[in-house]
């Protein structure tokens, strides 16, 4: 791998917005949380513009495309370049048929892969229903403006800053070496606070394993160059060979990152942020998100109306 440096260009923000929101109960990507009816995506795009991103690509499903365009496109299409990529169940490699019993989306790794033909520059990935904070976008944009083909990155959050008060969450728990490079991500799908405030995750047999809260958590805020799509294609084909007939298995973004690390060809630098994450996993989270955004507006970090 040569130490190629990308020409001066603004990075792209890839927003994973095709989720079905089964635990939330409705289309949370376009639900309103800000004081003037803003979505969480609005704040992400607003921060991305301030941080120096030049384009936003939304990964959505065809069934929500018209609603999504109506809510989002008119707000900021004159402020930053916008494009869309569709994540559908039948978006599969040649020769692989969609199983009749598959209704669950293929996962975040698949969502990134479907945007491959849209991206020619360094890019960052985020979830549509997560609030990341301006500092996190600034860290990412600064890194991507200097990156080479040999280094990717991830913004790491303190685990205790990423939990919901209303149920379990899934988080990638990271191992980071002394030089600040990612060694592995382990997906924990049932992390929660107990009534005594102890943080635990539930193991496969139901055992509760304690966590300190100081662990580095991945919130899927990751930075890549377009060369990464070759690895995504290889990894997705391998995933399908083993799991195509398993209707609940998902192809996770962190799984691809782990494969990149273990191949030993690329480094993934961890950029630490002290931002407080918040997001909507459950309907009960909605009031908390509205309150948190209201405090940020009152503090002058955001205007009361983002898009004037």
Protein backbone atom coordinates (compact mmCIF):
# COMPACT_ATOMS: atom_id res chain seq x y z
CA UNK A 1 0.00 0.00 0.00
CA UNK A 2 1.60 3.27 -1.11
CA UNK A 3 1.39 6.39 0.99
CA UNK A 4 -0.94 8.06 -1.50
CA UNK A 5 -2.39 11.37 -0.34
CA UNK A 6 -5.78 12.41 -1.64
CA UNK A 7 -5.94 15.73 -3.47
CA UNK A 8 -7.45 18.61 -1.57
CA UNK A 9 -11.18 17.90 -1.44
CA UNK A 10 -13.91 18.05 1.13
CA UNK A 11 -14.90 14.70 2.66
CA UNK A 12 -18.33 13.12 2.23
CA UNK A 13 -20.73 12.19 5.03
CA UNK A 14 -22.52 8.85 4.57
CA UNK A 15 -25.70 8.71 6.70
CA UNK A 16 -27.14 5.25 7.39
CA UNK A 17 -30.87 5.97 7.42
CA UNK A 18 -32.50 2.78 6.14
CA UNK A 19 -33.21 1.19 9.53
CA UNK A 20 -36.72 0.01 10.33
CA UNK A 21 -36.77 1.28 13.95
CA UNK A 22 -38.48 -1.81 15.34
CA UNK A 23 -37.83 -0.88 19.00
CA UNK A 24 -38.86 2.74 18.41
CA UNK A 25 -42.12 1.86 16.69
CA UNK A 26 -42.03 4.44 13.87
CA UNK A 27 -39.75 6.14 11.34
CA UNK A 28 -37.39 7.84 13.79
CA UNK A 29 -35.14 9.12 10.99
CA UNK A 30 -37.65 11.85 10.20
CA UNK A 31 -39.22 12.30 13.62
CA UNK A 32 -39.00 15.83 15.08
CA UNK A 33 -36.88 16.58 18.15
CA UNK A 34 -35.52 20.14 17.89
CA UNK A 35 -37.39 23.26 19.07
CA UNK A 36 -38.34 24.12 15.48
CA UNK A 37 -39.16 20.58 14.39
CA UNK A 38 -35.62 19.49 13.51
CA UNK A 39 -34.70 15.83 13.11
CA UNK A 40 -31.49 14.39 14.55
CA UNK A 41 -30.24 14.22 10.97
CA UNK A 42 -30.66 17.99 10.72
CA UNK A 43 -28.16 18.49 13.54
CA UNK A 44 -25.72 16.02 11.98
CA UNK A 45 -25.82 17.80 8.62
CA UNK A 46 -25.58 21.21 10.29
CA UNK A 47 -22.48 20.09 12.21
CA UNK A 48 -21.00 18.41 9.13
CA UNK A 49 -21.27 21.65 7.17
CA UNK A 50 -19.61 23.58 10.00
CA UNK A 51 -16.84 20.97 10.21
CA UNK A 52 -16.04 21.15 6.50
CA UNK A 53 -17.82 18.24 4.80
CA UNK A 54 -18.74 18.87 1.18
CA UNK A 55 -21.44 16.29 0.43
CA UNK A 56 -24.02 14.14 2.22
CA UNK A 57 -25.21 10.76 0.94
CA UNK A 58 -28.23 9.19 2.62
CA UNK A 59 -28.66 5.41 2.57
CA UNK A 60 -32.41 4.83 2.66
CA UNK A 61 -35.05 2.32 1.59
CA UNK A 62 -37.19 2.87 -1.48
CA UNK A 63 -40.33 2.64 0.66
CA UNK A 64 -39.36 5.77 2.63
CA UNK A 65 -37.71 7.72 -0.18
CA UNK A 66 -40.57 10.13 -0.88
CA UNK A 67 -41.14 10.92 2.83
CA UNK A 68 -37.43 11.30 3.40
CA UNK A 69 -36.92 13.65 0.48
CA UNK A 70 -39.89 15.78 1.54
CA UNK A 71 -38.60 16.21 5.09
CA UNK A 72 -34.87 16.56 4.40
CA UNK A 73 -34.19 17.73 0.89
CA UNK A 74 -35.90 21.12 1.02
CA UNK A 75 -34.08 22.07 4.23
CA UNK A 76 -30.46 21.97 3.18
CA UNK A 77 -30.17 21.04 -0.50
CA UNK A 78 -28.98 24.59 -1.21
CA UNK A 79 -26.34 24.41 1.55
CA UNK A 80 -24.52 21.15 0.76
CA UNK A 81 -24.51 18.61 -2.09
CA UNK A 82 -26.96 15.73 -1.48
CA UNK A 83 -27.29 12.25 -2.97
CA UNK A 84 -29.09 9.02 -2.11
CA UNK A 85 -28.30 5.30 -2.19
CA UNK A 86 -30.99 2.65 -1.77
CA UNK A 87 -30.49 -0.32 0.57
CA UNK A 88 -32.80 -3.13 -0.47
CA UNK A 89 -32.78 -6.79 0.52
CA UNK A 90 -32.14 -7.91 -3.05
CA UNK A 91 -29.01 -5.77 -3.40
CA UNK A 92 -26.81 -8.88 -3.45
CA UNK A 93 -23.74 -10.07 -5.35
CA UNK A 94 -24.38 -11.77 -8.71
CA UNK A 95 -25.43 -15.38 -8.38
CA UNK A 96 -26.90 -15.06 -4.88
CA UNK A 97 -30.70 -15.17 -4.62
CA UNK A 98 -32.70 -13.47 -1.88
CA UNK A 99 -34.03 -16.11 0.55
CA UNK A 100 -37.82 -16.15 0.82
CA UNK A 101 -37.69 -15.91 4.62
CA UNK A 102 -35.45 -12.79 4.73
CA UNK A 103 -37.26 -9.65 5.93
CA UNK A 104 -34.61 -8.10 8.21
CA UNK A 105 -32.14 -5.63 6.58
CA UNK A 106 -28.68 -7.07 5.98
CA UNK A 107 -27.06 -4.64 8.43
CA UNK A 108 -24.80 -1.60 8.67
CA UNK A 109 -21.98 -3.15 6.65
CA UNK A 110 -24.36 -3.74 3.76
CA UNK A 111 -25.66 -0.18 4.10
CA UNK A 112 -22.15 1.18 3.55
CA UNK A 113 -21.53 -1.16 0.61
CA UNK A 114 -24.61 -0.03 -1.36
CA UNK A 115 -23.13 3.49 -1.57
CA UNK A 116 -19.88 2.32 -3.17
CA UNK A 117 -20.59 3.76 -6.61
CA UNK A 118 -21.48 7.15 -5.11
CA UNK A 119 -18.21 7.89 -3.31
CA UNK A 120 -14.85 8.90 -4.81
CA UNK A 121 -13.33 10.77 -1.87
CA UNK A 122 -12.55 10.16 1.83
CA UNK A 123 -15.80 9.71 3.75
CA UNK A 124 -17.27 9.32 7.22
CA UNK A 125 -20.11 7.01 8.25
CA UNK A 126 -22.77 7.86 10.85
CA UNK A 127 -26.09 6.47 12.05
CA UNK A 128 -29.12 8.63 11.27
CA UNK A 129 -30.58 8.34 14.77
CA UNK A 130 -27.46 9.24 16.76
CA UNK A 131 -26.39 12.70 17.93
CA UNK A 132 -22.59 12.90 17.73
CA UNK A 133 -21.74 16.53 18.57
CA UNK A 134 -19.79 19.18 16.65
CA UNK A 135 -16.40 18.28 18.14
CA UNK A 136 -16.71 14.74 16.84
CA UNK A 137 -17.42 15.92 13.31
CA UNK A 138 -14.50 18.34 13.51
CA UNK A 139 -12.14 15.55 14.61
CA UNK A 140 -13.32 13.41 11.72
CA UNK A 141 -13.18 16.13 9.04
CA UNK A 142 -9.68 17.14 10.12
CA UNK A 143 -8.48 13.54 9.93
CA UNK A 144 -10.05 12.87 6.53
CA UNK A 145 -8.55 16.03 5.07
CA UNK A 146 -5.08 14.59 5.80
CA UNK A 147 -5.54 10.83 5.50
CA UNK A 148 -3.79 8.47 3.11
CA UNK A 149 -4.94 5.14 1.71
CA UNK A 150 -3.05 3.39 4.52
CA UNK A 151 -4.96 4.80 7.52
CA UNK A 152 -8.64 4.85 8.51
CA UNK A 153 -10.14 6.17 11.74
CA UNK A 154 -12.93 5.89 14.27
CA UNK A 155 -14.26 8.41 16.78
CA UNK A 156 -14.44 6.68 20.15
CA UNK A 157 -16.88 7.61 22.92
CA UNK A 158 -16.79 6.84 26.62
CA UNK A 159 -19.28 3.98 27.02
CA UNK A 160 -21.11 5.62 29.92
CA UNK A 161 -21.83 8.61 27.63
CA UNK A 162 -23.68 6.43 25.13
CA UNK A 163 -26.38 4.55 27.05
CA UNK A 164 -30.16 4.81 27.05
CA UNK A 165 -32.12 5.11 30.28
CA UNK A 166 -34.97 3.04 28.84
CA UNK A 167 -33.53 -0.29 27.77
CA UNK A 168 -30.60 -2.11 26.28
CA UNK A 169 -28.40 -0.87 23.46
CA UNK A 170 -25.85 -2.41 21.10
CA UNK A 171 -22.33 -1.01 21.20
CA UNK A 172 -19.00 -1.93 19.71
CA UNK A 173 -16.55 -2.19 22.63
CA UNK A 174 -13.06 -1.28 21.44
CA UNK A 175 -9.59 -2.40 22.37
CA UNK A 176 -7.06 0.39 21.71
CA UNK A 177 -3.27 0.06 21.92
CA UNK A 178 -0.89 2.55 23.54
CA UNK A 179 -0.25 4.27 20.21
CA UNK A 180 -3.97 5.02 19.83
CA UNK A 181 -4.73 2.44 17.16
CA UNK A 182 -7.76 0.17 17.21
CA UNK A 183 -6.99 -3.49 17.89
CA UNK A 184 -10.51 -4.93 17.79
CA UNK A 185 -14.21 -4.16 18.14
CA UNK A 186 -16.47 -6.59 19.96
CA UNK A 187 -20.18 -6.11 19.32
CA UNK A 188 -22.21 -6.26 22.54
CA UNK A 189 -25.90 -6.31 21.72
CA UNK A 190 -27.43 -6.06 25.22
CA UNK A 191 -25.77 -3.31 27.27
CA UNK A 192 -27.82 -1.55 29.95
CA UNK A 193 -27.78 0.10 33.37
CA UNK A 194 -29.25 -1.83 36.24
CA UNK A 195 -31.40 -0.09 38.90
CA UNK A 196 -28.25 0.31 41.05
CA UNK A 197 -26.60 2.13 38.06
CA UNK A 198 -24.14 -0.73 37.44
CA UNK A 199 -23.47 -1.09 33.70
CA UNK A 200 -23.58 -4.65 32.38
CA UNK A 201 -23.95 -6.57 29.17
CA UNK A 202 -25.91 -9.77 28.86
CA UNK A 203 -23.91 -12.76 27.65
CA UNK A 204 -25.35 -15.45 25.40
CA UNK A 205 -26.42 -17.61 28.35
CA UNK A 206 -28.09 -14.66 30.09
CA UNK A 207 -25.24 -13.96 32.50
CA UNK A 208 -24.73 -10.27 33.37
CA UNK A 209 -21.10 -9.21 32.79
CA UNK A 210 -20.11 -5.94 34.52
CA UNK A 211 -18.57 -3.03 32.61
CA UNK A 212 -16.83 0.01 34.10
CA UNK A 213 -18.36 2.62 31.78
CA UNK A 214 -14.89 3.86 30.82
CA UNK A 215 -14.62 1.49 27.86
CA UNK A 216 -14.15 3.03 24.42
CA UNK A 217 -17.39 2.59 22.48
CA UNK A 218 -17.86 2.76 18.75
CA UNK A 219 -20.98 4.59 17.57
CA UNK A 220 -20.28 3.81 13.90
CA UNK A 221 -18.64 7.22 13.38
CA UNK A 222 -15.83 5.91 11.18
CA UNK A 223 -13.66 7.38 8.44
CA UNK A 224 -12.47 5.62 5.29
CA UNK A 225 -11.18 6.15 1.79
CA UNK A 226 -12.99 4.60 -1.23
CA UNK A 227 -10.50 1.71 -1.37
CA UNK A 228 -12.30 0.21 1.62
CA UNK A 229 -15.20 -0.89 -0.59
CA UNK A 230 -13.07 -3.74 -1.96
CA UNK A 231 -12.87 -5.14 1.57
CA UNK A 232 -16.60 -4.64 2.10
CA UNK A 233 -17.35 -6.66 -1.05
CA UNK A 234 -15.08 -9.51 0.00
CA UNK A 235 -16.44 -9.54 3.55
CA UNK A 236 -20.09 -9.45 2.47
CA UNK A 237 -19.64 -12.38 0.10
CA UNK A 238 -18.00 -14.39 2.88
CA UNK A 239 -20.83 -13.42 5.26
CA UNK A 240 -23.45 -14.58 2.78
CA UNK A 241 -21.74 -17.91 2.22
CA UNK A 242 -22.19 -18.66 5.90
CA UNK A 243 -25.40 -16.81 6.74
CA UNK A 244 -27.59 -16.32 3.69
CA UNK A 245 -30.13 -18.84 5.03
CA UNK A 246 -30.11 -17.39 8.57
CA UNK A 247 -32.87 -14.73 8.55
CA UNK A 248 -31.74 -12.87 11.70
CA UNK A 249 -27.99 -12.61 11.05
CA UNK A 250 -26.64 -9.14 10.17
CA UNK A 251 -23.50 -7.96 8.39
CA UNK A 252 -22.13 -5.39 10.84
CA UNK A 253 -19.82 -2.50 9.96
CA UNK A 254 -17.50 -3.28 12.92
CA UNK A 255 -17.01 -6.81 11.56
CA UNK A 256 -15.44 -5.38 8.41
CA UNK A 257 -13.22 -3.09 10.47
CA UNK A 258 -12.04 -6.07 12.51
CA UNK A 259 -11.12 -7.91 9.32
CA UNK A 260 -9.19 -4.89 8.07
CA UNK A 261 -7.22 -4.73 11.33
CA UNK A 262 -6.51 -8.45 11.50
CA UNK A 263 -5.29 -8.47 7.90
CA UNK A 264 -2.48 -6.23 9.14
CA UNK A 265 -2.42 -4.04 6.04
CA UNK A 266 -4.08 -0.90 7.41
CA UNK A 267 -4.24 1.04 10.67
CA UNK A 268 -7.41 2.41 12.24
CA UNK A 269 -6.65 5.41 14.44
CA UNK A 270 -8.99 6.11 17.36
CA UNK A 271 -9.96 9.76 17.81
CA UNK A 272 -11.28 10.25 21.35
CA UNK A 273 -14.20 12.58 21.97
CA UNK A 274 -15.70 13.81 25.22
CA UNK A 275 -19.04 14.57 23.56
CA UNK A 276 -22.20 13.26 25.19
CA UNK A 277 -23.98 10.94 22.80
CA UNK A 278 -27.74 10.75 22.74
CA UNK A 279 -30.16 9.10 20.40
CA UNK A 280 -33.48 7.38 20.00
CA UNK A 281 -33.73 3.66 20.46
CA UNK A 282 -37.06 3.71 22.32
CA UNK A 283 -40.06 6.04 22.29
CA UNK A 284 -39.21 6.94 25.90
CA UNK A 285 -35.91 8.41 24.66
CA UNK A 286 -37.74 11.10 22.71
CA UNK A 287 -38.34 13.42 25.69
CA UNK A 288 -34.71 13.09 26.78
CA UNK A 289 -33.43 13.98 23.31
CA UNK A 290 -35.73 17.00 23.11
CA UNK A 291 -34.53 18.17 26.52
CA UNK A 292 -30.86 17.68 25.59
CA UNK A 293 -31.25 19.62 22.34
CA UNK A 294 -33.11 22.36 24.19
CA UNK A 295 -30.17 22.77 26.56
CA UNK A 296 -27.71 23.00 23.65
CA UNK A 297 -29.88 25.68 22.03
CA UNK A 298 -30.13 27.59 25.31
CA UNK A 299 -26.33 27.43 25.62
CA UNK A 300 -25.95 29.00 22.18
CA UNK A 301 -24.33 25.96 20.56
CA UNK A 302 -27.20 25.76 18.06
CA UNK A 303 -29.71 28.35 16.90
CA UNK A 304 -33.34 27.80 17.78
CA UNK A 305 -34.07 27.28 14.09
CA UNK A 306 -31.28 25.51 12.17
CA UNK A 307 -32.40 26.22 8.60
CA UNK A 308 -33.56 29.74 7.98
